[in-house]
Protein backbone atom coordinates (compact mmCIF):
# COMPACT_ATOMS: atom_id res chain seq x y z
CA MET A 1 24.66 139.67 -37.67
CA LYS A 2 21.16 138.40 -38.45
CA MET A 3 18.17 140.58 -37.66
CA THR A 4 14.45 140.18 -38.22
CA GLY A 5 11.79 142.84 -38.50
CA THR A 6 8.19 143.43 -39.47
CA PHE A 7 7.71 145.97 -42.25
CA ILE A 8 5.28 147.14 -44.91
CA PHE A 9 6.68 146.60 -48.41
CA LEU A 10 6.58 149.87 -50.38
CA GLY A 11 8.08 148.58 -53.62
CA ILE A 12 11.31 148.49 -55.59
CA ASP A 13 13.17 151.70 -56.42
CA SER A 14 15.36 151.65 -59.56
CA PHE A 15 18.18 154.08 -60.22
CA THR A 16 21.09 154.45 -62.63
CA GLY A 17 24.73 154.37 -61.66
CA THR A 18 26.69 157.60 -61.34
CA LYS A 19 29.94 156.25 -62.80
CA ASP A 20 28.20 154.15 -65.47
CA PRO A 21 24.75 155.51 -66.37
CA THR A 22 23.99 152.38 -68.42
CA LYS A 23 23.81 150.24 -65.26
CA VAL A 24 20.52 150.03 -63.37
CA TYR A 25 20.49 149.26 -59.65
CA LYS A 26 17.54 148.43 -57.39
CA ASN A 27 16.56 148.98 -53.76
CA ALA A 28 13.71 147.30 -51.89
CA VAL A 29 11.89 149.92 -49.81
CA PHE A 30 10.21 149.02 -46.51
CA LEU A 31 8.24 151.06 -43.96
CA GLN A 32 8.25 150.55 -40.18
CA GLU A 33 6.24 153.11 -38.20
CA THR A 34 7.47 156.41 -39.70
CA ASP A 35 10.91 155.15 -40.78
CA THR A 36 11.84 153.78 -44.18
CA LEU A 37 14.52 151.22 -44.92
CA LYS A 38 16.16 150.85 -48.33
CA VAL A 39 17.97 147.57 -48.97
CA PHE A 40 20.18 147.19 -52.05
CA LEU A 41 19.04 144.26 -54.21
CA ASP A 42 21.26 141.91 -56.13
CA SER A 43 19.85 139.15 -58.35
CA GLU A 44 19.62 136.67 -55.44
CA SER A 45 17.96 138.98 -52.91
CA GLU A 46 15.46 140.19 -55.53
CA LYS A 47 14.17 136.59 -55.86
CA VAL A 48 12.96 136.51 -52.23
CA LEU A 49 10.44 139.25 -53.10
CA ASN A 50 8.55 137.05 -55.58
CA GLY A 51 4.85 137.06 -54.69
CA ILE A 52 5.13 140.11 -52.43
CA GLN A 53 2.92 142.99 -53.52
CA LEU A 54 2.89 146.69 -52.66
CA MET A 55 1.68 147.45 -49.13
CA ASP A 56 1.91 143.80 -47.98
CA LYS A 57 2.89 143.40 -44.32
CA VAL A 58 5.99 141.19 -44.19
CA ASP A 59 8.49 139.63 -41.81
CA THR A 60 12.03 140.07 -43.11
CA GLU A 61 15.36 138.54 -42.28
CA LEU A 62 18.33 140.84 -42.81
CA ASP A 63 22.04 140.03 -42.73
CA ILE A 64 23.96 143.09 -41.52
CA ARG A 65 27.74 143.29 -41.92
CA PHE A 66 29.91 146.03 -40.48
CA GLY A 67 33.23 147.24 -41.93
CA GLN A 68 34.23 150.54 -43.46
CA LYS A 69 30.62 150.60 -44.65
CA ILE A 70 27.48 148.90 -43.38
CA TYR A 71 26.09 146.25 -45.74
CA ILE A 72 22.50 145.04 -45.38
CA THR A 73 21.41 141.96 -47.34
CA LEU A 74 17.80 140.82 -47.61
CA THR A 75 17.87 137.05 -47.01
CA ALA A 76 14.20 136.11 -46.49
CA VAL A 77 10.73 137.65 -46.70
CA ARG A 78 7.50 136.11 -45.43
CA LYS A 79 4.12 137.69 -46.14
CA LEU A 80 2.04 138.23 -42.97
CA SER A 81 -1.10 139.72 -44.45
CA THR A 82 -2.41 141.19 -47.65
CA LYS A 83 -2.54 144.95 -48.01
CA VAL A 84 -2.41 147.27 -45.06
CA ALA A 85 -5.44 149.56 -44.84
């Protein structure tokens, strides 16, 4: 299921794996009103964030898949404006 939304980009959060502490994983963090959204980044989805800076207002396209778990993939990001006051 494809979904779009307007968010404020808060940055990329890095963390180490629990099973293998040598692996580093990343989440893109977005703000909408008072809610935050963390989207797991793989190498492809991290590329769509090129040129996006902290606190930029962006339109995002998300691919959401349902199964035993819910998977959210960041497929596109378009900058709307520079820096939210």
